[in-house]
Amino acid sequence: MSDMLKDPTILRELIMDHYQYPRNHGLVDDSSYASCHMASDSCIDDITVQSKIVDGVIKDIRFDGVACTICTASTSMMSELLKGKTTDEAKKIMDNYFNMMEEKPYDEDMLEEAIAMCNVHKQANRIKCATIGWKAMKKMME
């Protein structure tokens, strides 16, 4: 694990940056986008994720709604990480992310900033927050 990941301050700063300044935030009124609404029964998280996939490439990901820090940050990170990737590449990245959440082996290099969520599994009730946006994207890709 890289030194950055051993520093909880850096991880917190990454999460707070994506929470305060979420990337790809705000939905579009465009019928070429797929849309998936997700709500949590254990947190305030109630978000809609949109994606535009053309010829197997993720052209855009947008999201909006009411969400806690972890949900907002993880969905923001996911949107940045998967944009421009093929759906096959995105599936590999997502598998690694879910493996990280489940404390299974994963490739940290694939996750880029999303690696900031590496300690979420220590608070089981937050795993749903950290995966809800990712699950929405997974549904749209299926």
N, C-alpha and C. Protein backbone atom coordinates (compact mmCIF):
# COMPACT_ATOMS: atom_id res chain seq x y z
N MET A 1 0.85 -1.19 0.00
CA MET A 1 0.00 0.00 0.00
C MET A 1 0.89 1.25 0.00
N SER A 2 0.54 2.22 -0.83
CA SER A 2 1.38 3.41 -0.93
C SER A 2 1.34 4.22 0.37
N ASP A 3 2.34 5.05 0.56
CA ASP A 3 2.43 5.85 1.79
C ASP A 3 1.23 6.76 1.97
N MET A 4 0.72 7.29 0.84
CA MET A 4 -0.43 8.19 0.90
C MET A 4 -1.61 7.50 1.61
N LEU A 5 -1.76 6.20 1.34
CA LEU A 5 -2.91 5.47 1.87
C LEU A 5 -2.78 5.18 3.36
N LYS A 6 -1.57 5.32 3.86
CA LYS A 6 -1.37 5.07 5.28
C LYS A 6 -1.65 6.34 6.09
N ASP A 7 -1.85 7.44 5.38
CA ASP A 7 -2.07 8.73 6.05
C ASP A 7 -3.56 9.05 6.08
N PRO A 8 -4.19 8.87 7.25
CA PRO A 8 -5.64 9.12 7.32
C PRO A 8 -6.02 10.56 7.00
N THR A 9 -5.10 11.50 7.23
CA THR A 9 -5.38 12.91 6.93
C THR A 9 -5.57 13.11 5.44
N ILE A 10 -4.70 12.50 4.63
CA ILE A 10 -4.80 12.63 3.18
C ILE A 10 -6.09 11.98 2.69
N LEU A 11 -6.41 10.81 3.23
CA LEU A 11 -7.64 10.12 2.83
C LEU A 11 -8.86 10.98 3.16
N ARG A 12 -8.86 11.55 4.36
CA ARG A 12 -9.98 12.42 4.78
C ARG A 12 -10.09 13.64 3.87
N GLU A 13 -8.94 14.23 3.54
CA GLU A 13 -8.95 15.42 2.67
C GLU A 13 -9.51 15.09 1.29
N LEU A 14 -9.14 13.93 0.75
CA LEU A 14 -9.67 13.51 -0.55
C LEU A 14 -11.19 13.37 -0.47
N ILE A 15 -11.66 12.71 0.57
CA ILE A 15 -13.10 12.51 0.74
C ILE A 15 -13.81 13.85 0.89
N MET A 16 -13.27 14.74 1.72
CA MET A 16 -13.91 16.04 1.93
C MET A 16 -13.90 16.89 0.66
N ASP A 17 -12.83 16.79 -0.13
CA ASP A 17 -12.75 17.55 -1.38
C ASP A 17 -13.86 17.10 -2.34
N HIS A 18 -14.05 15.80 -2.45
CA HIS A 18 -15.10 15.29 -3.34
C HIS A 18 -16.50 15.56 -2.78
N TYR A 19 -16.61 15.67 -1.46
CA TYR A 19 -17.91 15.98 -0.86
C TYR A 19 -18.26 17.46 -1.08
N GLN A 20 -17.28 18.34 -0.81
CA GLN A 20 -17.55 19.78 -0.92
C GLN A 20 -17.63 20.24 -2.37
N TYR A 21 -16.85 19.59 -3.24
CA TYR A 21 -16.82 19.98 -4.66
C TYR A 21 -17.04 18.73 -5.52
N PRO A 22 -18.24 18.16 -5.45
CA PRO A 22 -18.46 16.92 -6.20
C PRO A 22 -18.32 17.13 -7.70
N ARG A 23 -17.62 16.19 -8.33
CA ARG A 23 -17.43 16.23 -9.78
C ARG A 23 -18.68 15.65 -10.45
N ASN A 24 -18.97 16.15 -11.65
CA ASN A 24 -20.07 15.62 -12.46
C ASN A 24 -21.41 15.66 -11.72
N HIS A 25 -21.60 16.71 -10.93
CA HIS A 25 -22.79 16.86 -10.10
C HIS A 25 -23.86 17.60 -10.88
N GLY A 26 -25.08 17.16 -10.77
CA GLY A 26 -26.19 17.80 -11.49
C GLY A 26 -26.63 16.92 -12.63
N LEU A 27 -27.93 16.71 -12.74
CA LEU A 27 -28.48 15.84 -13.77
C LEU A 27 -28.73 16.62 -15.06
N VAL A 28 -28.82 15.89 -16.16
CA VAL A 28 -29.11 16.51 -17.44
C VAL A 28 -30.47 16.01 -17.93
N ASP A 29 -31.16 16.86 -18.68
CA ASP A 29 -32.43 16.48 -19.26
C ASP A 29 -32.14 16.03 -20.69
N ASP A 30 -31.77 14.75 -20.82
CA ASP A 30 -31.31 14.24 -22.11
C ASP A 30 -31.69 12.76 -22.17
N SER A 31 -32.56 12.42 -23.13
CA SER A 31 -33.08 11.05 -23.21
C SER A 31 -32.02 10.03 -23.64
N SER A 32 -30.84 10.49 -24.07
CA SER A 32 -29.78 9.54 -24.45
C SER A 32 -29.03 9.01 -23.22
N TYR A 33 -29.38 9.53 -22.05
CA TYR A 33 -28.76 9.07 -20.80
C TYR A 33 -29.63 8.01 -20.15
N ALA A 34 -28.99 6.97 -19.62
CA ALA A 34 -29.70 6.01 -18.77
C ALA A 34 -29.75 6.65 -17.38
N SER A 35 -30.72 6.25 -16.59
CA SER A 35 -30.88 6.84 -15.26
C SER A 35 -31.22 5.75 -14.26
N CYS A 36 -30.65 5.87 -13.05
CA CYS A 36 -30.94 4.90 -12.00
C CYS A 36 -31.06 5.64 -10.67
N HIS A 37 -32.21 5.47 -10.03
CA HIS A 37 -32.45 6.10 -8.74
C HIS A 37 -32.18 5.08 -7.64
N MET A 38 -31.46 5.50 -6.60
CA MET A 38 -31.13 4.62 -5.48
C MET A 38 -31.41 5.37 -4.18
N ALA A 39 -31.98 4.65 -3.22
CA ALA A 39 -32.21 5.25 -1.91
C ALA A 39 -31.81 4.24 -0.84
N SER A 40 -31.29 4.75 0.26
CA SER A 40 -30.87 3.90 1.36
C SER A 40 -31.92 3.93 2.45
N ASP A 41 -32.11 2.80 3.10
CA ASP A 41 -33.05 2.77 4.21
C ASP A 41 -32.35 3.07 5.54
N SER A 42 -31.02 3.17 5.49
CA SER A 42 -30.28 3.37 6.74
C SER A 42 -29.56 4.71 6.82
N CYS A 43 -29.71 5.53 5.77
CA CYS A 43 -29.01 6.82 5.74
C CYS A 43 -29.87 7.78 4.93
N ILE A 44 -29.45 9.04 4.83
CA ILE A 44 -30.22 10.03 4.06
C ILE A 44 -30.06 9.84 2.56
N ASP A 45 -29.15 8.96 2.15
CA ASP A 45 -28.81 8.82 0.74
C ASP A 45 -30.02 8.54 -0.14
N ASP A 46 -30.24 9.42 -1.08
CA ASP A 46 -31.33 9.29 -2.04
C ASP A 46 -30.85 9.99 -3.31
N ILE A 47 -30.22 9.22 -4.20
CA ILE A 47 -29.56 9.83 -5.35
C ILE A 47 -30.02 9.22 -6.66
N THR A 48 -29.83 9.99 -7.71
CA THR A 48 -30.04 9.52 -9.07
C THR A 48 -28.71 9.64 -9.79
N VAL A 49 -28.34 8.56 -10.47
CA VAL A 49 -27.11 8.55 -11.26
C VAL A 49 -27.53 8.40 -12.72
N GLN A 50 -26.90 9.19 -13.58
CA GLN A 50 -27.17 9.10 -15.02
C GLN A 50 -25.87 8.71 -15.73
N SER A 51 -26.00 7.97 -16.80
CA SER A 51 -24.81 7.66 -17.58
C SER A 51 -25.14 7.66 -19.06
N LYS A 52 -24.15 8.05 -19.83
CA LYS A 52 -24.29 8.00 -21.29
C LYS A 52 -23.21 7.06 -21.78
N ILE A 53 -23.65 5.92 -22.31
CA ILE A 53 -22.72 4.91 -22.81
C ILE A 53 -22.96 4.78 -24.31
N VAL A 54 -21.90 5.02 -25.08
CA VAL A 54 -21.99 4.97 -26.54
C VAL A 54 -20.95 3.98 -27.06
N ASP A 55 -21.41 2.99 -27.80
CA ASP A 55 -20.50 1.98 -28.39
C ASP A 55 -19.56 1.39 -27.33
N GLY A 56 -20.11 1.07 -26.17
CA GLY A 56 -19.32 0.40 -25.15
C GLY A 56 -18.35 1.31 -24.40
N VAL A 57 -18.49 2.63 -24.58
CA VAL A 57 -17.62 3.58 -23.87
C VAL A 57 -18.49 4.51 -23.03
N ILE A 58 -18.07 4.71 -21.78
CA ILE A 58 -18.81 5.59 -20.87
C ILE A 58 -18.41 7.03 -21.19
N LYS A 59 -19.32 7.74 -21.85
CA LYS A 59 -19.04 9.11 -22.28
C LYS A 59 -19.25 10.11 -21.15
N ASP A 60 -20.23 9.82 -20.27
CA ASP A 60 -20.53 10.78 -19.21
C ASP A 60 -21.23 10.05 -18.07
N ILE A 61 -21.02 10.57 -16.87
CA ILE A 61 -21.73 10.12 -15.68
C ILE A 61 -22.10 11.38 -14.90
N ARG A 62 -23.36 11.46 -14.49
CA ARG A 62 -23.85 12.61 -13.70
C ARG A 62 -24.55 12.06 -12.48
N PHE A 63 -24.65 12.85 -11.43
CA PHE A 63 -25.45 12.42 -10.28
C PHE A 63 -25.94 13.61 -9.50
N ASP A 64 -27.03 13.39 -8.76
CA ASP A 64 -27.57 14.44 -7.90
C ASP A 64 -28.50 13.78 -6.89
N GLY A 65 -28.84 14.54 -5.88
CA GLY A 65 -29.74 14.05 -4.85
C GLY A 65 -29.26 14.46 -3.48
N VAL A 66 -29.87 13.89 -2.47
CA VAL A 66 -29.48 14.15 -1.09
C VAL A 66 -28.61 12.99 -0.65
N ALA A 67 -27.43 13.30 -0.11
CA ALA A 67 -26.54 12.21 0.25
C ALA A 67 -25.55 12.64 1.33
N CYS A 68 -25.12 11.67 2.10
CA CYS A 68 -24.12 11.92 3.15
C CYS A 68 -22.74 12.13 2.51
N THR A 69 -21.78 12.45 3.32
CA THR A 69 -20.41 12.72 2.86
C THR A 69 -19.84 11.54 2.08
N ILE A 70 -19.94 10.34 2.65
CA ILE A 70 -19.34 9.15 2.03
C ILE A 70 -20.00 8.84 0.69
N CYS A 71 -21.31 8.92 0.64
CA CYS A 71 -22.04 8.64 -0.60
C CYS A 71 -21.67 9.66 -1.68
N THR A 72 -21.71 10.93 -1.34
CA THR A 72 -21.39 11.99 -2.31
C THR A 72 -19.96 11.83 -2.82
N ALA A 73 -19.02 11.66 -1.90
CA ALA A 73 -17.61 11.56 -2.29
C ALA A 73 -17.35 10.32 -3.13
N SER A 74 -17.90 9.18 -2.72
CA SER A 74 -17.62 7.94 -3.47
C SER A 74 -18.25 7.99 -4.86
N THR A 75 -19.44 8.58 -4.98
CA THR A 75 -20.10 8.67 -6.28
C THR A 75 -19.35 9.66 -7.18
N SER A 76 -18.87 10.75 -6.59
CA SER A 76 -18.06 11.72 -7.34
C SER A 76 -16.78 11.05 -7.86
N MET A 77 -16.12 10.30 -6.99
CA MET A 77 -14.88 9.60 -7.39
C MET A 77 -15.18 8.59 -8.50
N MET A 78 -16.26 7.85 -8.34
CA MET A 78 -16.66 6.87 -9.34
C MET A 78 -16.90 7.54 -10.69
N SER A 79 -17.59 8.69 -10.66
CA SER A 79 -17.92 9.36 -11.92
C SER A 79 -16.65 9.81 -12.65
N GLU A 80 -15.66 10.28 -11.91
CA GLU A 80 -14.39 10.70 -12.52
C GLU A 80 -13.61 9.50 -13.04
N LEU A 81 -13.61 8.45 -12.24
CA LEU A 81 -12.79 7.28 -12.54
C LEU A 81 -13.30 6.52 -13.76
N LEU A 82 -14.61 6.43 -13.93
CA LEU A 82 -15.17 5.59 -14.99
C LEU A 82 -15.42 6.33 -16.30
N LYS A 83 -15.46 7.64 -16.25
CA LYS A 83 -15.71 8.43 -17.46
C LYS A 83 -14.58 8.19 -18.47
N GLY A 84 -14.98 7.89 -19.71
CA GLY A 84 -13.98 7.67 -20.75
C GLY A 84 -13.51 6.23 -20.85
N LYS A 85 -13.91 5.40 -19.89
CA LYS A 85 -13.49 4.00 -19.90
C LYS A 85 -14.49 3.17 -20.72
N THR A 86 -14.01 2.02 -21.21
CA THR A 86 -14.94 1.09 -21.84
C THR A 86 -15.73 0.42 -20.71
N THR A 87 -16.86 -0.18 -21.06
CA THR A 87 -17.65 -0.85 -20.03
C THR A 87 -16.86 -2.04 -19.45
N ASP A 88 -16.02 -2.68 -20.26
CA ASP A 88 -15.19 -3.78 -19.74
C ASP A 88 -14.18 -3.27 -18.72
N GLU A 89 -13.53 -2.15 -19.03
CA GLU A 89 -12.58 -1.55 -18.08
C GLU A 89 -13.32 -1.14 -16.80
N ALA A 90 -14.49 -0.53 -16.99
CA ALA A 90 -15.28 -0.07 -15.84
C ALA A 90 -15.68 -1.24 -14.95
N LYS A 91 -16.07 -2.36 -15.55
CA LYS A 91 -16.44 -3.54 -14.76
C LYS A 91 -15.28 -4.01 -13.89
N LYS A 92 -14.07 -4.02 -14.46
CA LYS A 92 -12.88 -4.44 -13.70
C LYS A 92 -12.63 -3.49 -12.53
N ILE A 93 -12.74 -2.20 -12.79
CA ILE A 93 -12.53 -1.19 -11.74
C ILE A 93 -13.59 -1.37 -10.64
N MET A 94 -14.83 -1.56 -11.06
CA MET A 94 -15.91 -1.72 -10.09
C MET A 94 -15.75 -2.99 -9.26
N ASP A 95 -15.34 -4.08 -9.91
CA ASP A 95 -15.09 -5.32 -9.17
C ASP A 95 -14.03 -5.09 -8.10
N ASN A 96 -12.97 -4.36 -8.45
CA ASN A 96 -11.91 -4.05 -7.49
C ASN A 96 -12.43 -3.20 -6.34
N TYR A 97 -13.29 -2.24 -6.66
CA TYR A 97 -13.86 -1.37 -5.63
C TYR A 97 -14.71 -2.18 -4.66
N PHE A 98 -15.58 -3.04 -5.20
CA PHE A 98 -16.43 -3.87 -4.34
C PHE A 98 -15.58 -4.86 -3.53
N ASN A 99 -14.51 -5.37 -4.13
CA ASN A 99 -13.60 -6.25 -3.38
C ASN A 99 -12.98 -5.50 -2.21
N MET A 100 -12.58 -4.24 -2.43
CA MET A 100 -12.01 -3.43 -1.36
C MET A 100 -13.03 -3.29 -0.23
N MET A 101 -14.28 -3.03 -0.58
CA MET A 101 -15.34 -2.86 0.42
C MET A 101 -15.56 -4.15 1.22
N GLU A 102 -15.36 -5.28 0.55
CA GLU A 102 -15.61 -6.58 1.19
C GLU A 102 -14.34 -7.17 1.78
N GLU A 103 -13.26 -6.38 1.83
CA GLU A 103 -11.97 -6.82 2.36
C GLU A 103 -11.41 -8.04 1.64
N LYS A 104 -11.65 -8.08 0.33
CA LYS A 104 -11.07 -9.11 -0.52
C LYS A 104 -9.89 -8.50 -1.25
N PRO A 105 -9.02 -9.32 -1.85
CA PRO A 105 -7.87 -8.76 -2.58
C PRO A 105 -8.34 -7.86 -3.73
N TYR A 106 -7.61 -6.75 -3.92
CA TYR A 106 -7.95 -5.82 -5.00
C TYR A 106 -6.69 -5.10 -5.46
N ASP A 107 -6.77 -4.51 -6.64
CA ASP A 107 -5.65 -3.77 -7.23
C ASP A 107 -5.85 -2.28 -6.93
N GLU A 108 -5.09 -1.78 -5.97
CA GLU A 108 -5.30 -0.38 -5.54
C GLU A 108 -4.99 0.63 -6.63
N ASP A 109 -4.09 0.29 -7.56
CA ASP A 109 -3.73 1.23 -8.63
C ASP A 109 -4.91 1.51 -9.54
N MET A 110 -5.79 0.52 -9.69
CA MET A 110 -6.96 0.69 -10.55
C MET A 110 -7.95 1.71 -10.00
N LEU A 111 -7.93 1.92 -8.68
CA LEU A 111 -8.97 2.71 -8.04
C LEU A 111 -8.66 4.20 -7.94
N GLU A 112 -7.42 4.59 -8.21
CA GLU A 112 -7.02 6.00 -8.15
C GLU A 112 -7.55 6.65 -6.87
N GLU A 113 -8.26 7.78 -6.97
CA GLU A 113 -8.70 8.48 -5.76
C GLU A 113 -9.74 7.70 -4.95
N ALA A 114 -10.46 6.79 -5.60
CA ALA A 114 -11.48 6.01 -4.90
C ALA A 114 -10.86 5.14 -3.80
N ILE A 115 -9.56 4.99 -3.84
CA ILE A 115 -8.85 4.25 -2.79
C ILE A 115 -9.05 4.94 -1.44
N ALA A 116 -9.44 6.20 -1.47
CA ALA A 116 -9.69 6.94 -0.22
C ALA A 116 -10.78 6.27 0.61
N MET A 117 -11.59 5.41 0.00
CA MET A 117 -12.66 4.71 0.70
C MET A 117 -12.18 3.41 1.34
N CYS A 118 -10.86 3.19 1.35
CA CYS A 118 -10.31 1.89 1.78
C CYS A 118 -10.61 1.53 3.24
N ASN A 119 -10.94 2.48 4.08
CA ASN A 119 -11.21 2.16 5.48
C ASN A 119 -12.70 2.12 5.83
N VAL A 120 -13.54 2.33 4.83
CA VAL A 120 -14.98 2.36 5.08
C VAL A 120 -15.48 1.04 5.68
N HIS A 121 -14.89 -0.07 5.25
CA HIS A 121 -15.36 -1.38 5.74
C HIS A 121 -15.29 -1.50 7.26
N LYS A 122 -14.49 -0.64 7.90
CA LYS A 122 -14.38 -0.68 9.37
C LYS A 122 -15.66 -0.21 10.04
N GLN A 123 -16.49 0.51 9.28
CA GLN A 123 -17.80 0.94 9.77
C GLN A 123 -18.83 0.30 8.84
N ALA A 124 -19.28 -0.87 9.20
CA ALA A 124 -20.16 -1.66 8.31
C ALA A 124 -21.36 -0.87 7.81
N ASN A 125 -21.90 -0.01 8.66
CA ASN A 125 -23.10 0.76 8.27
C ASN A 125 -22.80 1.78 7.18
N ARG A 126 -21.52 2.06 6.92
CA ARG A 126 -21.15 3.05 5.89
C ARG A 126 -20.89 2.41 4.53
N ILE A 127 -20.79 1.08 4.50
CA ILE A 127 -20.49 0.41 3.24
C ILE A 127 -21.58 0.71 2.22
N LYS A 128 -22.84 0.72 2.66
CA LYS A 128 -23.94 1.02 1.74
C LYS A 128 -23.76 2.43 1.18
N CYS A 129 -23.36 3.37 2.02
CA CYS A 129 -23.15 4.76 1.57
C CYS A 129 -22.06 4.83 0.50
N ALA A 130 -21.03 4.03 0.68
CA ALA A 130 -19.87 4.07 -0.21
C ALA A 130 -20.09 3.28 -1.50
N THR A 131 -21.19 2.52 -1.57
CA THR A 131 -21.40 1.69 -2.76
C THR A 131 -22.68 2.03 -3.52
N ILE A 132 -23.55 2.85 -2.97
CA ILE A 132 -24.86 3.09 -3.59
C ILE A 132 -24.74 3.68 -5.00
N GLY A 133 -23.86 4.64 -5.18
CA GLY A 133 -23.66 5.22 -6.51
C GLY A 133 -23.03 4.23 -7.48
N TRP A 134 -22.12 3.42 -6.96
CA TRP A 134 -21.45 2.39 -7.77
C TRP A 134 -22.46 1.33 -8.20
N LYS A 135 -23.37 0.97 -7.29
CA LYS A 135 -24.39 -0.03 -7.62
C LYS A 135 -25.34 0.51 -8.69
N ALA A 136 -25.65 1.79 -8.62
CA ALA A 136 -26.51 2.41 -9.64
C ALA A 136 -25.83 2.30 -11.02
N MET A 137 -24.55 2.59 -11.06
CA MET A 137 -23.81 2.52 -12.32
C MET A 137 -23.76 1.08 -12.83
N LYS A 138 -23.55 0.15 -11.93
CA LYS A 138 -23.50 -1.26 -12.29
C LYS A 138 -24.83 -1.70 -12.93
N LYS A 139 -25.94 -1.27 -12.32
CA LYS A 139 -27.26 -1.61 -12.87
C LYS A 139 -27.42 -1.07 -14.29
N MET A 140 -26.96 0.16 -14.52
CA MET A 140 -27.10 0.76 -15.85
C MET A 140 -26.24 0.04 -16.89
N MET A 141 -25.10 -0.48 -16.45
CA MET A 141 -24.22 -1.19 -17.38
C MET A 141 -24.75 -2.58 -17.69
N GLU A 142 -25.54 -3.14 -16.78
CA GLU A 142 -26.12 -4.46 -17.03
C GLU A 142 -27.30 -4.30 -17.96
